[in-house]
């Protein structure tokens, strides 16, 4: 067709024109991803206009220009067209193991800084793959700002060691691992009560492979509040449990808010998950049971009897009610999967008369959820306290020797007891008689006098 020039010719002429006018960049062009021809990047608009103007001016005097101008194929090789990929089928979505919604996942990520260990985009660990109890736990930890617990919780869930249908009952489920041989959860008023009234039972359980989770309701402060005396007794109980486990070493404390809102201090020996001590740090009620001026005349007996509505922790930062203390018991028992529960003989039971008022009150707090059917009574035993001295001696030999050795390690840190070895502790008024005995009464055999 006379007077026309092909696209190849147009670009060839434009390139040569630009080259003759000092712009060598017009000497190349490339094929776009869509198969068309585009100019090299960086070309100036003025050069473009000049090239197009040139073509239009000379185009009228040319005939069969495409026959005299190199074709596109002779300048730049044209790649063969890519084959059209076969459509791939989209895999069906894997059903979620939990009921977390998209909004909840976003909220969790925002609260805990991205949830790196459980991010939906992390290979092999999408949040929908968490079990329901792990998802419930994650929601709880985020709600109380304990995001540091999430990595361990997610790792445990990914290991699939917990049976399907496991129910989240407490953050302690993830902080302390389960014990294959069983767990003894015990509840006491003061730091030495377990060593006096439930040993050698605790030592034997530990020797048989069971874990020990020991809970202390008061700070054992004898009215001094947070003091050197209370701190020394706390140090003594840690050292005593080092004796139980046959190892020395450091312990690490962490503050944990239970699901029922009660804040506790969890203390564990480094590198040994078999023993945990749990401190509520409430005021010691003293032998009269009425409390002390320094701690606001608060006591467990007053709380149990309804004389006060709540108690403050020794640091004054937290309060607890009777309902909360009673609900703490099944939360800990269930979270640890307790195979055995031990506590003080309740104040309403035969044989409790004459015991320390704090002991009697803790026993009643523990008995309440058992009476309500929240804890299996078959795993519960109550240790008789001070009145045990009226019963026959039933410990001797190696059992008594180990008990005395452990207690002496504790007592070396308690200036009230003032004994530093087994023989010395046996000579301490009343303590020697208590130490030579241990009487545990099954829940079903408790005789109620009230």
Protein backbone atom coordinates (compact mmCIF):
# COMPACT_ATOMS: atom_id res chain seq x y z
CA UNK A 1 0.00 0.00 0.00
CA UNK A 2 1.65 3.26 -1.24
CA UNK A 3 2.48 5.96 1.29
CA UNK A 4 2.35 3.65 4.33
CA UNK A 5 5.13 2.29 6.50
CA UNK A 6 5.02 -0.75 8.75
CA UNK A 7 5.45 -0.59 12.56
CA UNK A 8 8.85 -2.24 12.16
CA UNK A 9 9.90 0.42 9.78
CA UNK A 10 8.59 3.17 12.02
CA UNK A 11 10.69 2.01 14.95
CA UNK A 12 13.76 1.42 12.75
CA UNK A 13 13.56 4.93 11.35
CA UNK A 14 12.97 6.41 14.78
CA UNK A 15 15.99 4.65 16.18
CA UNK A 16 18.28 5.79 13.39
CA UNK A 17 16.93 9.33 13.56
CA UNK A 18 17.50 9.51 17.28
CA UNK A 19 20.99 8.04 16.94
CA UNK A 20 21.94 10.68 14.37
CA UNK A 21 20.71 13.35 16.78
CA UNK A 22 22.77 12.18 19.72
CA UNK A 23 20.30 9.93 21.55
CA UNK A 24 21.57 6.39 21.21
CA UNK A 25 18.95 5.08 23.65
CA UNK A 26 16.43 5.08 20.83
CA UNK A 27 18.48 2.49 19.02
CA UNK A 28 16.83 -0.34 21.01
CA UNK A 29 13.32 -1.47 21.72
CA UNK A 30 11.94 -4.50 23.40
CA UNK A 31 8.92 -6.78 23.33
CA UNK A 32 6.54 -6.20 26.22
CA UNK A 33 5.00 -8.94 28.36
CA UNK A 34 1.82 -8.57 26.35
CA UNK A 35 3.54 -9.20 23.02
CA UNK A 36 3.56 -5.58 21.82
CA UNK A 37 6.51 -3.29 21.15
CA UNK A 38 7.54 -0.67 23.67
CA UNK A 39 10.33 1.87 23.68
CA UNK A 40 13.29 1.50 26.00
CA UNK A 41 12.84 3.00 29.42
CA UNK A 42 14.22 6.48 29.93
CA UNK A 43 13.51 7.80 26.40
CA UNK A 44 12.88 11.52 26.26
CA UNK A 45 9.47 12.71 25.04
CA UNK A 46 11.13 15.23 22.68
CA UNK A 47 12.97 12.46 20.87
CA UNK A 48 9.75 10.52 20.57
CA UNK A 49 7.96 13.40 18.93
CA UNK A 50 10.88 14.01 16.60
CA UNK A 51 10.92 10.42 15.43
CA UNK A 52 7.21 10.30 14.84
CA UNK A 53 7.31 13.62 12.97
CA UNK A 54 10.05 12.33 10.73
CA UNK A 55 8.05 9.28 9.81
CA UNK A 56 4.98 11.32 9.00
CA UNK A 57 6.91 13.76 6.80
CA UNK A 58 8.73 11.19 4.74
CA UNK A 59 5.95 8.65 4.73
CA UNK A 60 4.11 10.29 1.88
CA UNK A 61 7.01 9.85 -0.52
CA UNK A 62 7.68 6.23 0.21
CA UNK A 63 6.26 3.15 -1.36
CA UNK A 64 6.58 -0.37 -0.13
CA UNK A 65 8.69 0.97 2.73
CA UNK A 66 8.38 -2.23 4.63
CA UNK A 67 10.36 -4.03 1.94
CA UNK A 68 13.39 -1.72 2.44
CA UNK A 69 13.32 -1.53 6.25
CA UNK A 70 14.56 -4.29 8.53
CA UNK A 71 11.77 -6.29 10.08
CA UNK A 72 11.27 -6.59 13.84
CA UNK A 73 12.39 -10.21 13.75
CA UNK A 74 15.74 -9.21 12.22
CA UNK A 75 16.41 -6.66 14.99
CA UNK A 76 15.20 -8.44 18.15
CA UNK A 77 14.51 -12.17 18.38
CA UNK A 78 10.89 -12.78 19.30
CA UNK A 79 10.36 -15.40 21.98
CA UNK A 80 7.97 -18.22 21.29
CA UNK A 81 4.64 -17.75 23.04
CA UNK A 82 4.45 -19.41 26.47
CA UNK A 83 2.06 -22.34 26.75
CA UNK A 84 -1.12 -21.61 28.64
CA UNK A 85 -0.81 -23.22 32.11
CA UNK A 86 -3.26 -25.89 33.01
CA UNK A 87 -5.74 -24.72 35.66
CA UNK A 88 -5.00 -26.12 39.12
CA UNK A 89 -7.66 -27.21 41.53
CA UNK A 90 -7.92 -25.33 44.84
CA UNK A 91 -7.58 -27.69 47.83
CA UNK A 92 -10.55 -27.83 50.15
CA UNK A 93 -9.98 -25.79 53.34
CA UNK A 94 -8.96 -27.81 56.41
CA UNK A 95 -11.65 -27.62 59.11
CA UNK A 96 -10.63 -25.54 62.13
CA UNK A 97 -10.10 -27.40 65.40
CA UNK A 98 -11.41 -24.45 67.40
CA UNK A 99 -14.09 -21.79 67.26
CA UNK A 100 -11.83 -18.75 66.96
CA UNK A 101 -13.27 -16.21 64.54
CA UNK A 102 -11.27 -14.01 62.20
CA UNK A 103 -11.97 -10.99 64.39
CA UNK A 104 -10.76 -12.85 67.48
CA UNK A 105 -7.55 -13.88 65.73
CA UNK A 106 -6.87 -10.27 64.71
CA UNK A 107 -7.59 -9.07 68.25
CA UNK A 108 -5.26 -11.70 69.71
CA UNK A 109 -2.48 -10.72 67.32
CA UNK A 110 -2.90 -7.05 68.18
CA UNK A 111 -2.88 -7.71 71.94
CA UNK A 112 0.13 -10.01 72.00
CA UNK A 113 2.29 -8.28 69.43
CA UNK A 114 1.75 -10.52 66.43
CA UNK A 115 1.69 -13.97 68.01
CA UNK A 116 4.81 -14.86 66.05
CA UNK A 117 4.84 -18.43 67.33
CA UNK A 118 1.23 -18.97 66.33
CA UNK A 119 0.79 -16.64 63.38
CA UNK A 120 -1.71 -17.92 60.78
CA UNK A 121 0.98 -17.46 58.13
CA UNK A 122 3.60 -19.49 60.02
CA UNK A 123 4.21 -22.77 58.16
CA UNK A 124 2.79 -25.76 59.97
CA UNK A 125 1.19 -23.81 62.80
CA UNK A 126 -1.92 -21.91 61.71
CA UNK A 127 -4.17 -20.72 64.49
CA UNK A 128 -7.11 -22.79 63.21
CA UNK A 129 -4.97 -25.86 63.92
CA UNK A 130 -4.94 -25.14 67.66
CA UNK A 131 -7.10 -27.42 69.76
CA UNK A 132 -10.11 -25.85 71.44
CA UNK A 133 -8.52 -25.86 74.89
CA UNK A 134 -5.37 -24.22 73.51
CA UNK A 135 -7.45 -21.56 71.75
CA UNK A 136 -9.33 -20.92 75.00
CA UNK A 137 -6.02 -20.67 76.85
CA UNK A 138 -4.62 -18.27 74.27
CA UNK A 139 -7.68 -16.05 74.62
CA UNK A 140 -7.29 -16.10 78.41
CA UNK A 141 -3.56 -15.29 78.39
CA UNK A 142 -4.17 -12.38 76.04
CA UNK A 143 -7.00 -11.07 78.25
CA UNK A 144 -4.75 -10.90 81.33
CA UNK A 145 -1.63 -9.70 79.52
CA UNK A 146 0.34 -12.93 79.99
CA UNK A 147 1.43 -13.15 76.36
CA UNK A 148 4.81 -14.56 77.38
CA UNK A 149 3.08 -17.87 78.07
CA UNK A 150 1.90 -18.34 74.48
CA UNK A 151 5.01 -19.91 72.88
CA UNK A 152 5.16 -22.75 75.41
CA UNK A 153 1.42 -23.29 75.22
CA UNK A 154 1.45 -23.43 71.40
CA UNK A 155 4.44 -25.78 71.35
CA UNK A 156 2.73 -28.13 73.77
CA UNK A 157 -0.45 -28.16 71.71
CA UNK A 158 1.51 -28.77 68.49
CA UNK A 159 3.09 -31.84 70.11
CA UNK A 160 -0.40 -33.39 70.46
CA UNK A 161 0.43 -34.85 73.87
CA UNK A 162 -2.91 -33.89 75.42
CA UNK A 163 -5.96 -36.00 74.59
CA UNK A 164 -8.74 -34.58 72.47
CA UNK A 165 -11.42 -33.10 74.66
CA UNK A 166 -8.99 -31.59 77.16
CA UNK A 167 -10.62 -28.59 78.82
CA UNK A 168 -8.77 -25.40 79.72
CA UNK A 169 -9.16 -24.86 83.46
CA UNK A 170 -6.15 -22.80 84.52
CA UNK A 171 -3.00 -21.17 83.14
CA UNK A 172 -1.04 -23.54 85.35
CA UNK A 173 -1.89 -26.30 82.86
CA UNK A 174 0.73 -24.85 80.52
CA UNK A 175 3.25 -23.48 82.99
CA UNK A 176 3.71 -26.81 84.76
CA UNK A 177 3.77 -29.88 82.50
CA UNK A 178 1.64 -32.93 83.34
CA UNK A 179 3.23 -35.76 85.31
CA UNK A 180 2.86 -39.24 83.92
CA UNK A 181 3.11 -40.90 87.33
CA UNK A 182 0.54 -38.62 88.96
CA UNK A 183 0.46 -35.39 90.95
CA UNK A 184 -0.13 -34.65 94.62
CA UNK A 185 -1.71 -31.23 95.20
CA UNK A 186 -1.68 -30.18 98.85
CA UNK A 187 -3.04 -27.10 100.63
CA UNK A 188 -1.58 -25.64 103.83
CA UNK A 189 -1.90 -22.64 106.08
CA UNK A 190 1.81 -22.11 106.87
CA UNK A 191 5.16 -22.96 105.35
CA UNK A 192 6.05 -25.81 107.70
CA UNK A 193 2.64 -27.52 108.00
CA UNK A 194 3.30 -29.89 105.10
CA UNK A 195 6.66 -30.95 106.55
CA UNK A 196 5.19 -31.65 109.99
CA UNK A 197 1.80 -33.19 109.26
CA UNK A 198 2.03 -34.79 105.78
CA UNK A 199 5.53 -36.15 105.68
CA UNK A 200 6.62 -38.88 104.90
CA UNK A 201 3.54 -39.13 102.60
CA UNK A 202 4.82 -36.32 100.36
CA UNK A 203 8.36 -37.71 100.28
CA UNK A 204 7.11 -41.19 99.37
CA UNK A 205 4.92 -39.82 96.58
CA UNK A 206 7.89 -37.94 95.14
CA UNK A 207 10.14 -40.99 95.41
CA UNK A 208 7.51 -42.94 93.44
CA UNK A 209 7.71 -40.47 90.56
CA UNK A 210 4.78 -38.23 91.40
CA UNK A 211 4.98 -34.46 91.14
CA UNK A 212 4.32 -32.23 94.14
CA UNK A 213 2.28 -29.02 93.87
CA UNK A 214 2.14 -27.42 97.32
CA UNK A 215 -0.09 -24.43 98.08
CA UNK A 216 0.38 -22.09 101.05
CA UNK A 217 -2.48 -19.77 101.97
CA UNK A 218 -0.71 -17.40 104.37
CA UNK A 219 2.62 -15.65 104.24
CA UNK A 220 3.47 -17.27 107.60
CA UNK A 221 4.37 -13.81 108.87
CA UNK A 222 3.12 -14.07 112.49
CA UNK A 223 1.80 -10.52 112.25
CA UNK A 224 4.97 -8.94 110.87
CA UNK A 225 3.66 -8.65 107.32
CA UNK A 226 6.29 -8.73 104.66
CA UNK A 227 9.39 -9.01 106.78
CA UNK A 228 12.75 -10.70 107.21
CA UNK A 229 11.05 -13.32 109.36
CA UNK A 230 8.53 -14.24 106.65
CA UNK A 231 11.21 -14.17 103.92
CA UNK A 232 13.45 -16.48 105.93
CA UNK A 233 10.64 -18.98 106.41
CA UNK A 234 9.96 -18.87 102.67
CA UNK A 235 13.63 -19.51 101.99
CA UNK A 236 13.51 -22.39 104.43
CA UNK A 237 10.63 -24.11 102.68
CA UNK A 238 12.45 -23.94 99.33
CA UNK A 239 15.54 -25.47 100.89
CA UNK A 240 13.42 -28.19 102.48
CA UNK A 241 12.01 -29.13 99.07
CA UNK A 242 15.55 -29.18 97.70
CA UNK A 243 16.12 -31.88 100.31
CA UNK A 244 12.98 -33.72 99.18
CA UNK A 245 14.22 -33.82 95.59
CA UNK A 246 17.82 -34.49 96.59
CA UNK A 247 19.25 -31.50 94.74
CA UNK A 248 20.34 -27.97 95.52
CA UNK A 249 19.98 -25.01 93.22
CA UNK A 250 18.22 -21.76 92.48
CA UNK A 251 14.48 -21.24 92.26
CA UNK A 252 12.54 -18.91 89.97
CA UNK A 253 9.34 -17.11 90.96
CA UNK A 254 6.66 -15.81 88.66
CA UNK A 255 3.33 -14.11 89.26
CA UNK A 256 0.32 -15.88 87.78
CA UNK A 257 -3.27 -14.77 87.66
CA UNK A 258 -5.54 -17.78 87.94
CA UNK A 259 -8.66 -18.07 85.86
CA UNK A 260 -10.83 -17.15 88.86
CA UNK A 261 -8.94 -13.86 89.27
CA UNK A 262 -6.75 -14.86 92.23
CA UNK A 263 -3.11 -13.83 91.88
CA UNK A 264 -0.49 -16.28 93.14
CA UNK A 265 3.29 -16.54 93.17
CA UNK A 266 4.55 -19.73 91.56
CA UNK A 267 8.01 -20.81 92.72
CA UNK A 268 9.90 -23.65 91.03
CA UNK A 269 13.45 -25.04 91.16
CA UNK A 270 15.29 -24.24 87.97
CA UNK A 271 15.34 -27.14 85.56
CA UNK A 272 13.08 -29.38 87.66
CA UNK A 273 9.36 -29.42 86.88
CA UNK A 274 8.54 -32.05 89.50
CA UNK A 275 8.01 -29.57 92.34
CA UNK A 276 6.07 -26.30 92.48
CA UNK A 277 5.29 -24.11 95.47
CA UNK A 278 2.33 -21.73 95.22
CA UNK A 279 2.06 -18.76 97.56
CA UNK A 280 -1.12 -16.76 98.14
CA UNK A 281 0.59 -14.59 100.80
CA UNK A 282 -2.44 -13.81 102.97
CA UNK A 283 -2.01 -12.61 106.57
CA UNK A 284 -1.26 -15.13 109.29
CA UNK A 285 -4.18 -15.35 111.73
CA UNK A 286 -2.14 -16.29 114.79
CA UNK A 287 -3.12 -18.76 117.50
CA UNK A 288 -6.20 -16.74 118.56
CA UNK A 289 -7.31 -16.66 114.90
CA UNK A 290 -8.13 -12.95 115.02
CA UNK A 291 -5.17 -11.67 113.01
CA UNK A 292 -2.73 -8.89 113.86
CA UNK A 293 -2.81 -5.10 113.95
CA UNK A 294 -0.02 -4.79 111.37
CA UNK A 295 -2.08 -6.71 108.81
CA UNK A 296 -5.44 -5.08 109.49
CA UNK A 297 -6.79 -7.75 111.86
CA UNK A 298 -7.56 -9.94 108.86
CA UNK A 299 -7.49 -13.74 109.12
CA UNK A 300 -8.72 -16.88 107.41
CA UNK A 301 -10.97 -17.84 110.36
CA UNK A 302 -12.72 -14.46 110.12
CA UNK A 303 -13.18 -14.90 106.36
CA UNK A 304 -14.56 -18.42 106.74
CA UNK A 305 -16.93 -17.39 109.53
CA UNK A 306 -18.19 -14.42 107.52
CA UNK A 307 -16.81 -11.78 109.89
CA UNK A 308 -14.99 -10.10 107.00
CA UNK A 309 -15.85 -10.08 103.30
CA UNK A 310 -12.33 -10.20 101.91
CA UNK A 311 -8.65 -10.38 102.74
CA UNK A 312 -5.69 -8.45 101.38
CA UNK A 313 -2.39 -9.99 100.37
CA UNK A 314 0.61 -8.96 102.48
CA UNK A 315 1.76 -6.51 99.80
CA UNK A 316 -1.68 -4.91 99.77
CA UNK A 317 -1.98 -5.23 95.99
CA UNK A 318 -4.70 -7.89 95.80
CA UNK A 319 -7.86 -8.93 97.59
CA UNK A 320 -9.57 -12.31 97.75
CA UNK A 321 -13.01 -13.46 98.88
CA UNK A 322 -14.05 -16.76 100.40
CA UNK A 323 -15.69 -17.77 97.12
CA UNK A 324 -12.44 -17.11 95.27
CA UNK A 325 -10.40 -19.18 97.70
CA UNK A 326 -12.86 -22.05 97.47
CA UNK A 327 -12.81 -21.92 93.66
CA UNK A 328 -9.01 -21.82 93.67
CA UNK A 329 -8.94 -25.34 95.08
CA UNK A 330 -10.70 -27.13 92.17
CA UNK A 331 -8.94 -24.91 89.64
CA UNK A 332 -5.56 -26.13 90.86
CA UNK A 333 -6.70 -29.73 91.39
CA UNK A 334 -8.14 -29.93 87.88
CA UNK A 335 -5.39 -28.04 86.11
CA UNK A 336 -2.75 -30.36 87.55
CA UNK A 337 -4.84 -33.48 87.03
CA UNK A 338 -4.31 -34.34 90.68
CA UNK A 339 -4.25 -38.01 91.60
CA UNK A 340 -4.13 -37.15 95.29
CA UNK A 341 -5.17 -34.13 97.37
CA UNK A 342 -4.00 -33.51 100.96
CA UNK A 343 -4.90 -30.69 103.34
CA UNK A 344 -5.59 -29.86 106.98
CA UNK A 345 -8.40 -31.58 108.82
CA UNK A 346 -11.41 -29.22 108.54
CA UNK A 347 -12.54 -27.41 111.66
CA UNK A 348 -15.89 -29.19 111.63
CA UNK A 349 -14.28 -32.64 111.81
CA UNK A 350 -13.71 -34.86 114.78
CA UNK A 351 -10.07 -34.60 115.80
CA UNK A 352 -9.66 -30.96 114.71
CA UNK A 353 -10.47 -29.45 118.08
CA UNK A 354 -7.40 -27.72 119.48
CA UNK A 355 -5.68 -27.31 116.12
CA UNK A 356 -4.43 -23.93 114.86
CA UNK A 357 -7.38 -21.79 113.66
CA UNK A 358 -5.66 -21.22 110.30
CA UNK A 359 -5.33 -25.00 109.85
CA UNK A 360 -8.99 -25.58 110.61
CA UNK A 361 -10.02 -22.82 108.18
CA UNK A 362 -7.89 -24.06 105.28
CA UNK A 363 -9.36 -27.53 105.80
CA UNK A 364 -12.85 -26.11 105.53
CA UNK A 365 -11.97 -24.15 102.39
CA UNK A 366 -10.66 -27.33 100.74
CA UNK A 367 -13.60 -29.45 101.92
CA UNK A 368 -16.22 -27.08 100.45
CA UNK A 369 -15.62 -27.89 96.74
CA UNK A 370 -15.30 -31.59 97.60
CA UNK A 371 -18.68 -31.45 99.34
CA UNK A 372 -20.09 -29.70 96.28
CA UNK A 373 -18.92 -32.52 94.00
CA UNK A 374 -16.29 -30.40 92.22
CA UNK A 375 -13.47 -32.69 93.36
CA UNK A 376 -13.55 -36.46 93.59
CA UNK A 377 -13.62 -37.24 97.30
CA UNK A 378 -11.86 -40.55 96.70
CA UNK A 379 -8.54 -38.77 96.10
CA UNK A 380 -8.77 -36.45 99.13
CA UNK A 381 -7.14 -36.96 102.54
CA UNK A 382 -6.94 -34.65 105.54
CA UNK A 383 -3.95 -34.46 107.87
CA UNK A 384 -4.61 -34.16 111.56
CA UNK A 385 -2.77 -31.23 113.13
CA UNK A 386 -1.80 -30.32 116.67
CA UNK A 387 -4.12 -32.94 118.30
CA UNK A 388 -2.04 -35.68 116.61
CA UNK A 389 0.25 -35.50 119.63
CA UNK A 390 -2.38 -37.39 121.63
CA UNK A 391 -2.22 -40.35 119.25
CA UNK A 392 0.35 -43.16 119.23
CA UNK A 393 3.74 -42.57 117.62
CA UNK A 394 3.65 -44.19 114.17
CA UNK A 395 6.92 -43.09 112.54
CA UNK A 396 10.38 -44.53 113.10
CA UNK A 397 13.53 -45.70 111.32
CA UNK A 398 14.40 -44.29 107.91
CA UNK A 399 10.98 -42.67 107.48
CA UNK A 400 11.40 -40.60 110.60
CA UNK A 401 15.07 -39.89 109.91
CA UNK A 402 14.35 -38.44 106.47
CA UNK A 403 11.43 -36.43 107.82
CA UNK A 404 13.55 -34.97 110.61
CA UNK A 405 16.40 -34.14 108.25
CA UNK A 406 14.09 -32.26 105.87
CA UNK A 407 12.41 -30.39 108.69
CA UNK A 408 15.75 -29.41 110.25
CA UNK A 409 16.81 -27.85 106.94
CA UNK A 410 13.65 -25.72 107.04
CA UNK A 411 13.91 -24.94 110.76
CA UNK A 412 17.43 -23.57 110.41
CA UNK A 413 15.76 -20.59 108.72
CA UNK A 414 12.95 -20.20 111.27
CA UNK A 415 14.13 -18.33 114.39
CA UNK A 416 11.03 -19.33 116.35
CA UNK A 417 11.78 -23.06 116.23
CA UNK A 418 15.52 -22.68 116.73
CA UNK A 419 16.72 -26.17 115.81
CA UNK A 420 19.42 -26.97 113.30
CA UNK A 421 19.60 -30.77 113.28
CA UNK A 422 17.31 -33.76 113.68
CA UNK A 423 18.06 -34.39 117.35
CA UNK A 424 17.62 -30.75 118.18
CA UNK A 425 14.24 -30.58 116.43
CA UNK A 426 12.95 -33.60 118.36
CA UNK A 427 13.65 -31.70 121.55
CA UNK A 428 11.65 -28.59 120.60
CA UNK A 429 8.50 -28.32 122.68
CA UNK A 430 5.46 -29.84 120.88
CA UNK A 431 7.26 -30.01 117.54
CA UNK A 432 9.08 -33.18 118.52
CA UNK A 433 5.79 -34.94 119.29
CA UNK A 434 4.17 -33.78 116.07
CA UNK A 435 7.16 -34.84 113.98
CA UNK A 436 7.03 -38.44 115.24
CA UNK A 437 3.51 -38.85 113.91
CA UNK A 438 1.48 -38.64 110.70
CA UNK A 439 -2.23 -39.36 110.53
CA UNK A 440 -4.08 -38.90 107.24
CA UNK A 441 -7.86 -39.32 107.21
CA UNK A 442 -9.65 -40.10 103.93
CA UNK A 443 -12.49 -37.73 103.04
CA UNK A 444 -15.06 -40.53 103.26
CA UNK A 445 -13.99 -41.30 106.83
CA UNK A 446 -14.19 -37.77 108.23
CA UNK A 447 -16.63 -37.56 111.14
CA UNK A 448 -18.44 -34.23 111.13
CA UNK A 449 -19.21 -32.65 114.47
CA UNK A 450 -20.85 -29.47 113.19
